[in-house]
Amino acid sequence: MPMKNLELHRSDDSIWDSTENRWNVDAERWLIAVAATYLFYQFFLSASVGRLVTNYIDARYAAEGAGIRVAMSVLPAGLFLLRSRSLGYTEQERRVWRNLSIAAFVFLFLLIVVRSSAAVDRLALYTIPLQAAVLSRPRSVFASEGFGRFLVIAYAAVVQFTWLTYAHHSRFWVPYQVWPFAS
């Protein structure tokens, strides 16, 4: 009932509904969004960002596998940017994957420039879904589906072999080698 009452008493269009003088509406929306973002940052994030910069950037934490994990996202990012139209995504989905692909290349650049590879690694984790989005469609990315499947399986096998061979904690993940049964 209160919502119906509110709807009946609203006589003018709000700035969110207006279609005339589009530039003023967009400017107002941007001002509101910028102000809300600034207030959100000041009230909730500013103290945490300072701690994160101190703990990650100034301390120069290094993540061992950061380069490999970033490279694992750069490969599908490059494939996506080269073959985005053939993957069969809608325009909105294509924009999301395009932005993640660009972010993967930005993280590659940041890995070279920023002193803390751990900070870049933590942010680059958000580009991992790009691997599933691109590599799950070998027919669309590669010339032949069989060759594409072979490359994706070989890629996964190389990643698994590298991790099981060189990772410090890989021995805890090998099947059937859990604490009570291992020697």
C-alpha atoms as a PDB file:
ATOM      1  CA  MET A   1       0.000   0.000   0.000  1.00  0.00           C
ATOM      2  CA  PRO A   2       2.705   2.595   0.807  1.00  0.00           C
ATOM      3  CA  MET A   3       4.463   1.851  -2.494  1.00  0.00           C
ATOM      4  CA  LYS A   4       1.243   2.373  -4.448  1.00  0.00           C
ATOM      5  CA  ASN A   5       0.715   5.660  -2.615  1.00  0.00           C
ATOM      6  CA  LEU A   6       4.237   6.770  -3.510  1.00  0.00           C
ATOM      7  CA  GLU A   7       3.667   5.836  -7.138  1.00  0.00           C
ATOM      8  CA  LEU A   8       0.422   7.822  -7.349  1.00  0.00           C
ATOM      9  CA  HIS A   9       1.932  10.991  -5.844  1.00  0.00           C
ATOM     10  CA  ARG A  10       4.965  11.071  -8.061  1.00  0.00           C
ATOM     11  CA  SER A  11       4.165  13.702 -10.642  1.00  0.00           C
ATOM     12  CA  ASP A  12       7.507  14.413 -12.331  1.00  0.00           C
ATOM     13  CA  ASP A  13       9.959  12.035 -13.879  1.00  0.00           C
ATOM     14  CA  SER A  14      13.075  11.562 -11.842  1.00  0.00           C
ATOM     15  CA  ILE A  15      16.500  12.095 -13.336  1.00  0.00           C
ATOM     16  CA  TRP A  16      16.718   8.304 -13.672  1.00  0.00           C
ATOM     17  CA  ASP A  17      13.690   8.140 -15.990  1.00  0.00           C
ATOM     18  CA  SER A  18      14.317  11.203 -18.110  1.00  0.00           C
ATOM     19  CA  THR A  19      15.232  10.794 -21.770  1.00  0.00           C
ATOM     20  CA  GLU A  20      15.442  14.433 -22.779  1.00  0.00           C
ATOM     21  CA  ASN A  21      18.617  16.439 -22.283  1.00  0.00           C
ATOM     22  CA  ARG A  22      20.563  13.235 -21.954  1.00  0.00           C
ATOM     23  CA  TRP A  23      23.926  14.883 -21.215  1.00  0.00           C
ATOM     24  CA  ASN A  24      22.690  16.573 -18.027  1.00  0.00           C
ATOM     25  CA  VAL A  25      21.168  13.307 -16.812  1.00  0.00           C
ATOM     26  CA  ASP A  26      24.394  11.425 -17.443  1.00  0.00           C
ATOM     27  CA  ALA A  27      26.419  14.144 -15.721  1.00  0.00           C
ATOM     28  CA  GLU A  28      24.135  14.009 -12.685  1.00  0.00           C
ATOM     29  CA  ARG A  29      24.388  10.227 -12.549  1.00  0.00           C
ATOM     30  CA  TRP A  30      28.182  10.399 -12.760  1.00  0.00           C
ATOM     31  CA  LEU A  31      28.361  13.013 -10.017  1.00  0.00           C
ATOM     32  CA  ILE A  32      26.173  10.913  -7.755  1.00  0.00           C
ATOM     33  CA  ALA A  33      28.227   7.780  -8.502  1.00  0.00           C
ATOM     34  CA  VAL A  34      31.542   9.556  -7.883  1.00  0.00           C
ATOM     35  CA  ALA A  35      30.276  11.084  -4.633  1.00  0.00           C
ATOM     36  CA  ALA A  36      28.918   7.737  -3.424  1.00  0.00           C
ATOM     37  CA  THR A  37      32.185   5.990  -4.314  1.00  0.00           C
ATOM     38  CA  TYR A  38      34.241   8.616  -2.495  1.00  0.00           C
ATOM     39  CA  LEU A  39      32.058   8.402   0.623  1.00  0.00           C
ATOM     40  CA  PHE A  40      32.163   4.598   0.566  1.00  0.00           C
ATOM     41  CA  TYR A  41      35.952   4.684   0.302  1.00  0.00           C
ATOM     42  CA  GLN A  42      36.351   7.232   3.106  1.00  0.00           C
ATOM     43  CA  PHE A  43      34.044   5.460   5.547  1.00  0.00           C
ATOM     44  CA  PHE A  44      34.893   1.828   4.864  1.00  0.00           C
ATOM     45  CA  LEU A  45      38.127   1.339   2.945  1.00  0.00           C
ATOM     46  CA  SER A  46      40.665   4.095   3.564  1.00  0.00           C
ATOM     47  CA  ALA A  47      42.167   2.559   6.713  1.00  0.00           C
ATOM     48  CA  SER A  48      42.341  -0.897   5.139  1.00  0.00           C
ATOM     49  CA  VAL A  49      44.007   0.363   1.971  1.00  0.00           C
ATOM     50  CA  GLY A  50      46.766   1.947   4.041  1.00  0.00           C
ATOM     51  CA  ARG A  51      47.383  -1.344   5.831  1.00  0.00           C
ATOM     52  CA  LEU A  52      47.367  -3.270   2.555  1.00  0.00           C
ATOM     53  CA  VAL A  53      49.936  -0.920   1.020  1.00  0.00           C
ATOM     54  CA  THR A  54      52.126  -1.227   4.111  1.00  0.00           C
ATOM     55  CA  ASN A  55      51.799  -5.007   4.336  1.00  0.00           C
ATOM     56  CA  TYR A  56      52.107  -5.865   0.644  1.00  0.00           C
ATOM     57  CA  ILE A  57      53.846  -3.104  -1.301  1.00  0.00           C
ATOM     58  CA  ASP A  58      56.226  -1.700   1.316  1.00  0.00           C
ATOM     59  CA  ALA A  59      57.095  -5.136   2.710  1.00  0.00           C
ATOM     60  CA  ARG A  60      57.763  -6.404  -0.841  1.00  0.00           C
ATOM     61  CA  TYR A  61      56.035  -9.739  -0.341  1.00  0.00           C
ATOM     62  CA  ALA A  62      56.741 -12.154  -3.154  1.00  0.00           C
ATOM     63  CA  ALA A  63      54.461 -14.923  -4.316  1.00  0.00           C
ATOM     64  CA  GLU A  64      56.353 -17.855  -5.810  1.00  0.00           C
ATOM     65  CA  GLY A  65      53.857 -18.784  -8.500  1.00  0.00           C
ATOM     66  CA  ALA A  66      52.693 -15.278  -9.365  1.00  0.00           C
ATOM     67  CA  GLY A  67      54.382 -15.224 -12.757  1.00  0.00           C
ATOM     68  CA  ILE A  68      52.972 -18.604 -13.724  1.00  0.00           C
ATOM     69  CA  ARG A  69      49.441 -17.757 -12.570  1.00  0.00           C
ATOM     70  CA  VAL A  70      49.484 -14.427 -14.417  1.00  0.00           C
ATOM     71  CA  ALA A  71      50.840 -16.138 -17.551  1.00  0.00           C
ATOM     72  CA  MET A  72      48.077 -18.736 -17.288  1.00  0.00           C
ATOM     73  CA  SER A  73      45.545 -15.913 -17.580  1.00  0.00           C
ATOM     74  CA  VAL A  74      47.443 -14.018 -20.278  1.00  0.00           C
ATOM     75  CA  LEU A  75      47.322 -16.972 -22.686  1.00  0.00           C
ATOM     76  CA  PRO A  76      43.489 -17.204 -22.814  1.00  0.00           C
ATOM     77  CA  ALA A  77      43.287 -13.398 -22.685  1.00  0.00           C
ATOM     78  CA  GLY A  78      45.314 -13.192 -25.889  1.00  0.00           C
ATOM     79  CA  LEU A  79      43.202 -15.902 -27.511  1.00  0.00           C
ATOM     80  CA  PHE A  80      40.043 -14.065 -26.503  1.00  0.00           C
ATOM     81  CA  LEU A  81      41.219 -10.732 -27.888  1.00  0.00           C
ATOM     82  CA  LEU A  82      42.145 -12.403 -31.169  1.00  0.00           C
ATOM     83  CA  ARG A  83      38.977 -14.509 -31.556  1.00  0.00           C
ATOM     84  CA  SER A  84      36.308 -12.812 -29.421  1.00  0.00           C
ATOM     85  CA  ARG A  85      33.639 -12.720 -32.149  1.00  0.00           C
ATOM     86  CA  SER A  86      33.823 -16.456 -32.811  1.00  0.00           C
ATOM     87  CA  LEU A  87      33.277 -17.517 -29.177  1.00  0.00           C
ATOM     88  CA  GLY A  88      29.515 -17.044 -29.300  1.00  0.00           C
ATOM     89  CA  TYR A  89      29.074 -14.666 -26.379  1.00  0.00           C
ATOM     90  CA  THR A  90      26.506 -11.872 -26.302  1.00  0.00           C
ATOM     91  CA  GLU A  91      27.744  -8.297 -26.555  1.00  0.00           C
ATOM     92  CA  GLN A  92      27.512  -7.774 -22.778  1.00  0.00           C
ATOM     93  CA  GLU A  93      29.357 -11.012 -22.034  1.00  0.00           C
ATOM     94  CA  ARG A  94      31.995 -10.141 -24.624  1.00  0.00           C
ATOM     95  CA  ARG A  95      32.587  -6.793 -22.893  1.00  0.00           C
ATOM     96  CA  VAL A  96      33.072  -8.511 -19.523  1.00  0.00           C
ATOM     97  CA  TRP A  97      35.562 -11.017 -20.955  1.00  0.00           C
ATOM     98  CA  ARG A  98      37.295  -8.267 -22.947  1.00  0.00           C
ATOM     99  CA  ASN A  99      37.788  -6.221 -19.773  1.00  0.00           C
ATOM    100  CA  LEU A 100      39.145  -9.259 -17.917  1.00  0.00           C
ATOM    101  CA  SER A 101      41.487  -9.937 -20.854  1.00  0.00           C
ATOM    102  CA  ILE A 102      42.801  -6.395 -20.735  1.00  0.00           C
ATOM    103  CA  ALA A 103      43.177  -6.721 -16.957  1.00  0.00           C
ATOM    104  CA  ALA A 104      45.255  -9.886 -17.445  1.00  0.00           C
ATOM    105  CA  PHE A 105      47.712  -7.955 -19.616  1.00  0.00           C
ATOM    106  CA  VAL A 106      47.731  -5.087 -17.103  1.00  0.00           C
ATOM    107  CA  PHE A 107      48.627  -7.584 -14.358  1.00  0.00           C
ATOM    108  CA  LEU A 108      51.459  -8.897 -16.520  1.00  0.00           C
ATOM    109  CA  PHE A 109      52.776  -5.342 -16.804  1.00  0.00           C
ATOM    110  CA  LEU A 110      52.284  -4.734 -13.065  1.00  0.00           C
ATOM    111  CA  LEU A 111      54.165  -7.925 -12.249  1.00  0.00           C
ATOM    112  CA  ILE A 112      57.194  -6.386 -13.934  1.00  0.00           C
ATOM    113  CA  VAL A 113      56.769  -2.882 -12.455  1.00  0.00           C
ATOM    114  CA  VAL A 114      55.412  -3.391  -8.913  1.00  0.00           C
ATOM    115  CA  ARG A 115      57.836  -4.480  -6.196  1.00  0.00           C
ATOM    116  CA  SER A 116      55.379  -6.880  -4.567  1.00  0.00           C
ATOM    117  CA  SER A 117      54.428  -9.841  -6.727  1.00  0.00           C
ATOM    118  CA  ALA A 118      52.047 -11.045  -3.999  1.00  0.00           C
ATOM    119  CA  ALA A 119      49.808  -7.982  -4.374  1.00  0.00           C
ATOM    120  CA  VAL A 120      49.600  -8.433  -8.139  1.00  0.00           C
ATOM    121  CA  ASP A 121      49.012 -12.163  -7.695  1.00  0.00           C
ATOM    122  CA  ARG A 122      46.094 -11.585  -5.333  1.00  0.00           C
ATOM    123  CA  LEU A 123      44.434  -9.236  -7.816  1.00  0.00           C
ATOM    124  CA  ALA A 124      45.218 -11.427 -10.832  1.00  0.00           C
ATOM    125  CA  LEU A 125      43.274 -14.296  -9.266  1.00  0.00           C
ATOM    126  CA  TYR A 126      40.115 -12.531 -10.465  1.00  0.00           C
ATOM    127  CA  THR A 127      41.117 -13.237 -14.085  1.00  0.00           C
ATOM    128  CA  ILE A 128      41.201 -17.028 -13.624  1.00  0.00           C
ATOM    129  CA  PRO A 129      37.589 -17.516 -14.867  1.00  0.00           C
ATOM    130  CA  LEU A 130      38.850 -16.258 -18.221  1.00  0.00           C
ATOM    131  CA  GLN A 131      40.661 -19.581 -18.642  1.00  0.00           C
ATOM    132  CA  ALA A 132      37.413 -21.532 -18.365  1.00  0.00           C
ATOM    133  CA  ALA A 133      35.514 -19.091 -20.569  1.00  0.00           C
ATOM    134  CA  VAL A 134      37.986 -19.295 -23.449  1.00  0.00           C
ATOM    135  CA  LEU A 135      39.554 -22.736 -23.188  1.00  0.00           C
ATOM    136  CA  SER A 136      36.176 -24.454 -22.832  1.00  0.00           C
ATOM    137  CA  ARG A 137      35.391 -23.525 -26.446  1.00  0.00           C
ATOM    138  CA  PRO A 138      38.193 -25.104 -28.495  1.00  0.00           C
ATOM    139  CA  ARG A 139      36.006 -25.299 -31.610  1.00  0.00           C
ATOM    140  CA  SER A 140      35.660 -21.513 -31.618  1.00  0.00           C
ATOM    141  CA  VAL A 141      39.253 -20.645 -30.771  1.00  0.00           C
ATOM    142  CA  PHE A 142      41.327 -23.101 -32.800  1.00  0.00           C
ATOM    143  CA  ALA A 143      41.238 -24.078 -36.471  1.00  0.00           C
ATOM    144  CA  SER A 144      40.055 -27.643 -35.813  1.00  0.00           C
ATOM    145  CA  GLU A 145      38.156 -28.925 -32.824  1.00  0.00           C
ATOM    146  CA  GLY A 146      40.334 -32.029 -32.385  1.00  0.00           C
ATOM    147  CA  PHE A 147      43.547 -30.020 -32.413  1.00  0.00           C
ATOM    148  CA  GLY A 148      42.003 -27.489 -30.023  1.00  0.00           C
ATOM    149  CA  ARG A 149      40.976 -30.208 -27.593  1.00  0.00           C
ATOM    150  CA  PHE A 150      44.455 -31.702 -27.763  1.00  0.00           C
ATOM    151  CA  LEU A 151      46.036 -28.311 -26.984  1.00  0.00           C
ATOM    152  CA  VAL A 152      43.683 -27.684 -24.047  1.00  0.00           C
ATOM    153  CA  ILE A 153      44.361 -31.149 -22.597  1.00  0.00           C
ATOM    154  CA  ALA A 154      48.120 -30.700 -23.122  1.00  0.00           C
ATOM    155  CA  TYR A 155      47.926 -27.278 -21.447  1.00  0.00           C
ATOM    156  CA  ALA A 156      46.108 -28.783 -18.443  1.00  0.00           C
ATOM    157  CA  ALA A 157      48.607 -31.668 -18.268  1.00  0.00           C
ATOM    158  CA  VAL A 158      51.588 -29.291 -18.312  1.00  0.00           C
ATOM    159  CA  VAL A 159      50.016 -27.183 -15.568  1.00  0.00           C
ATOM    160  CA  GLN A 160      49.301 -30.270 -13.437  1.00  0.00           C
ATOM    161  CA  PHE A 161      52.787 -31.729 -14.006  1.00  0.00           C
ATOM    162  CA  THR A 162      54.466 -28.415 -13.183  1.00  0.00           C
ATOM    163  CA  TRP A 163      52.456 -28.012 -10.010  1.00  0.00           C
ATOM    164  CA  LEU A 164      52.961 -31.586  -8.798  1.00  0.00           C
ATOM    165  CA  THR A 165      56.680 -31.465  -9.592  1.00  0.00           C
ATOM    166  CA  TYR A 166      57.723 -28.026  -8.358  1.00  0.00           C
ATOM    167  CA  ALA A 167      55.189 -26.872  -5.734  1.00  0.00           C
ATOM    168  CA  HIS A 168      56.315 -27.001  -2.111  1.00  0.00           C
ATOM    169  CA  HIS A 169      53.065 -28.462  -0.749  1.00  0.00           C
ATOM    170  CA  SER A 170      52.156 -30.739  -3.651  1.00  0.00           C
ATOM    171  CA  ARG A 171      52.949 -33.887  -1.677  1.00  0.00           C
ATOM    172  CA  PHE A 172      49.892 -33.189   0.506  1.00  0.00           C
ATOM    173  CA  TRP A 173      47.586 -33.166  -2.524  1.00  0.00           C
ATOM    174  CA  VAL A 174      48.612 -36.415  -4.205  1.00  0.00           C
ATOM    175  CA  PRO A 175      45.673 -38.837  -3.829  1.00  0.00           C
ATOM    176  CA  TYR A 176      45.906 -41.574  -1.206  1.00  0.00           C
ATOM    177  CA  GLN A 177      48.881 -40.002   0.523  1.00  0.00           C
ATOM    178  CA  VAL A 178      47.039 -38.587   3.504  1.00  0.00           C
ATOM    179  CA  TRP A 179      48.452 -38.521   6.998  1.00  0.00           C
ATOM    180  CA  PRO A 180      47.318 -41.805   8.559  1.00  0.00           C
ATOM    181  CA  PHE A 181      48.183 -43.890   5.491  1.00  0.00           C
ATOM    182  CA  ALA A 182      51.403 -42.289   4.260  1.00  0.00           C
ATOM    183  CA  SER A 183      54.761 -43.515   5.428  1.00  0.00           C
END
